[in-house]
């Protein structure tokens, strides 16, 4: 099992594999199926399993967040995921 320094905890380590809800925030364009497909493409390309999609528009309608439950097997895969997500058109951030 691999460990990675967790920036949010007091010296707590992330233990891989890890399951969590990934939130990807995109500039709103009302093309939810296309946005979801672009994010899915990244997940499939990296071999990351996912389920339970949700999306929500921001209060002022500038952004849409897409949340999906994923399983990450290693720190290297997590790093690659966030790098790949940056290439999605309209990408603002991922947490």
Protein backbone atom coordinates (compact mmCIF):
# COMPACT_ATOMS: atom_id res chain seq x y z
CA UNK A 1 0.00 0.00 0.00
CA UNK A 2 1.36 3.44 -0.95
CA UNK A 3 1.19 6.57 1.20
CA UNK A 4 1.10 10.21 0.20
CA UNK A 5 1.25 13.33 2.38
CA UNK A 6 -2.26 14.71 2.85
CA UNK A 7 -2.24 18.55 2.71
CA UNK A 8 -5.59 18.70 4.55
CA UNK A 9 -4.79 16.58 7.59
CA UNK A 10 -2.31 16.67 10.42
CA UNK A 11 0.40 14.47 8.95
CA UNK A 12 -2.24 12.01 7.81
CA UNK A 13 -1.33 10.00 4.74
CA UNK A 14 -3.58 9.06 1.84
CA UNK A 15 -3.70 5.28 1.63
CA UNK A 16 -4.04 3.95 -1.90
CA UNK A 17 -6.22 2.65 -3.37
CA UNK A 18 -8.68 5.38 -2.37
CA UNK A 19 -12.35 5.98 -3.22
CA UNK A 20 -13.69 9.54 -3.21
CA UNK A 21 -16.01 12.01 -4.89
CA UNK A 22 -14.17 13.95 -7.57
CA UNK A 23 -15.60 17.40 -8.30
CA UNK A 24 -14.71 19.04 -11.61
CA UNK A 25 -15.79 22.64 -12.11
CA UNK A 26 -16.27 23.91 -15.65
CA UNK A 27 -17.38 27.24 -17.08
CA UNK A 28 -21.13 26.85 -17.58
CA UNK A 29 -22.31 26.17 -21.11
CA UNK A 30 -25.48 24.07 -20.54
CA UNK A 31 -24.04 21.13 -22.53
CA UNK A 32 -24.14 18.73 -19.61
CA UNK A 33 -23.98 15.53 -21.68
CA UNK A 34 -20.95 16.78 -23.63
CA UNK A 35 -19.18 17.98 -20.47
CA UNK A 36 -19.81 14.67 -18.72
CA UNK A 37 -18.54 12.80 -21.81
CA UNK A 38 -15.29 14.82 -21.83
CA UNK A 39 -14.65 14.04 -18.16
CA UNK A 40 -15.58 10.37 -18.71
CA UNK A 41 -13.10 10.24 -21.59
CA UNK A 42 -10.28 11.24 -19.20
CA UNK A 43 -11.37 8.65 -16.62
CA UNK A 44 -11.65 5.86 -19.20
CA UNK A 45 -8.31 6.82 -20.80
CA UNK A 46 -6.62 6.43 -17.40
CA UNK A 47 -8.52 3.27 -16.48
CA UNK A 48 -10.24 4.89 -13.48
CA UNK A 49 -13.52 3.31 -12.40
CA UNK A 50 -16.38 5.72 -11.74
CA UNK A 51 -20.08 5.86 -10.89
CA UNK A 52 -22.87 8.06 -9.54
CA UNK A 53 -22.70 11.23 -11.67
CA UNK A 54 -24.23 14.49 -10.40
CA UNK A 55 -24.06 18.06 -11.63
CA UNK A 56 -25.04 21.42 -10.19
CA UNK A 57 -24.97 24.96 -11.54
CA UNK A 58 -23.43 27.72 -9.42
CA UNK A 59 -25.68 30.34 -7.85
CA UNK A 60 -24.92 32.96 -10.49
CA UNK A 61 -24.79 30.42 -13.31
CA UNK A 62 -21.14 31.04 -14.24
CA UNK A 63 -19.96 27.50 -13.47
CA UNK A 64 -21.23 23.94 -13.36
CA UNK A 65 -19.75 21.34 -11.05
CA UNK A 66 -19.71 17.68 -12.03
CA UNK A 67 -19.27 15.20 -9.20
CA UNK A 68 -18.52 11.52 -9.69
CA UNK A 69 -17.40 8.78 -7.34
CA UNK A 70 -14.01 7.38 -8.42
CA UNK A 71 -11.37 4.88 -7.32
CA UNK A 72 -7.69 5.87 -7.57
CA UNK A 73 -5.10 3.10 -7.32
CA UNK A 74 -1.90 5.12 -6.85
CA UNK A 75 -0.42 8.55 -6.25
CA UNK A 76 0.98 8.57 -9.80
CA UNK A 77 -2.50 7.93 -11.22
CA UNK A 78 -3.95 10.74 -9.10
CA UNK A 79 -1.34 13.17 -10.43
CA UNK A 80 -2.01 12.09 -14.02
CA UNK A 81 -5.78 12.51 -13.50
CA UNK A 82 -5.50 16.12 -12.39
CA UNK A 83 -3.07 16.92 -15.22
CA UNK A 84 -5.43 15.38 -17.81
CA UNK A 85 -8.47 17.19 -16.40
CA UNK A 86 -6.73 20.52 -17.06
CA UNK A 87 -7.06 19.77 -20.80
CA UNK A 88 -10.88 19.61 -20.70
CA UNK A 89 -12.37 22.65 -22.47
CA UNK A 90 -13.85 25.13 -19.97
CA UNK A 91 -11.92 23.61 -17.05
CA UNK A 92 -11.77 25.86 -13.98
CA UNK A 93 -10.65 23.48 -11.20
CA UNK A 94 -10.90 19.98 -9.80
CA UNK A 95 -11.04 18.93 -6.16
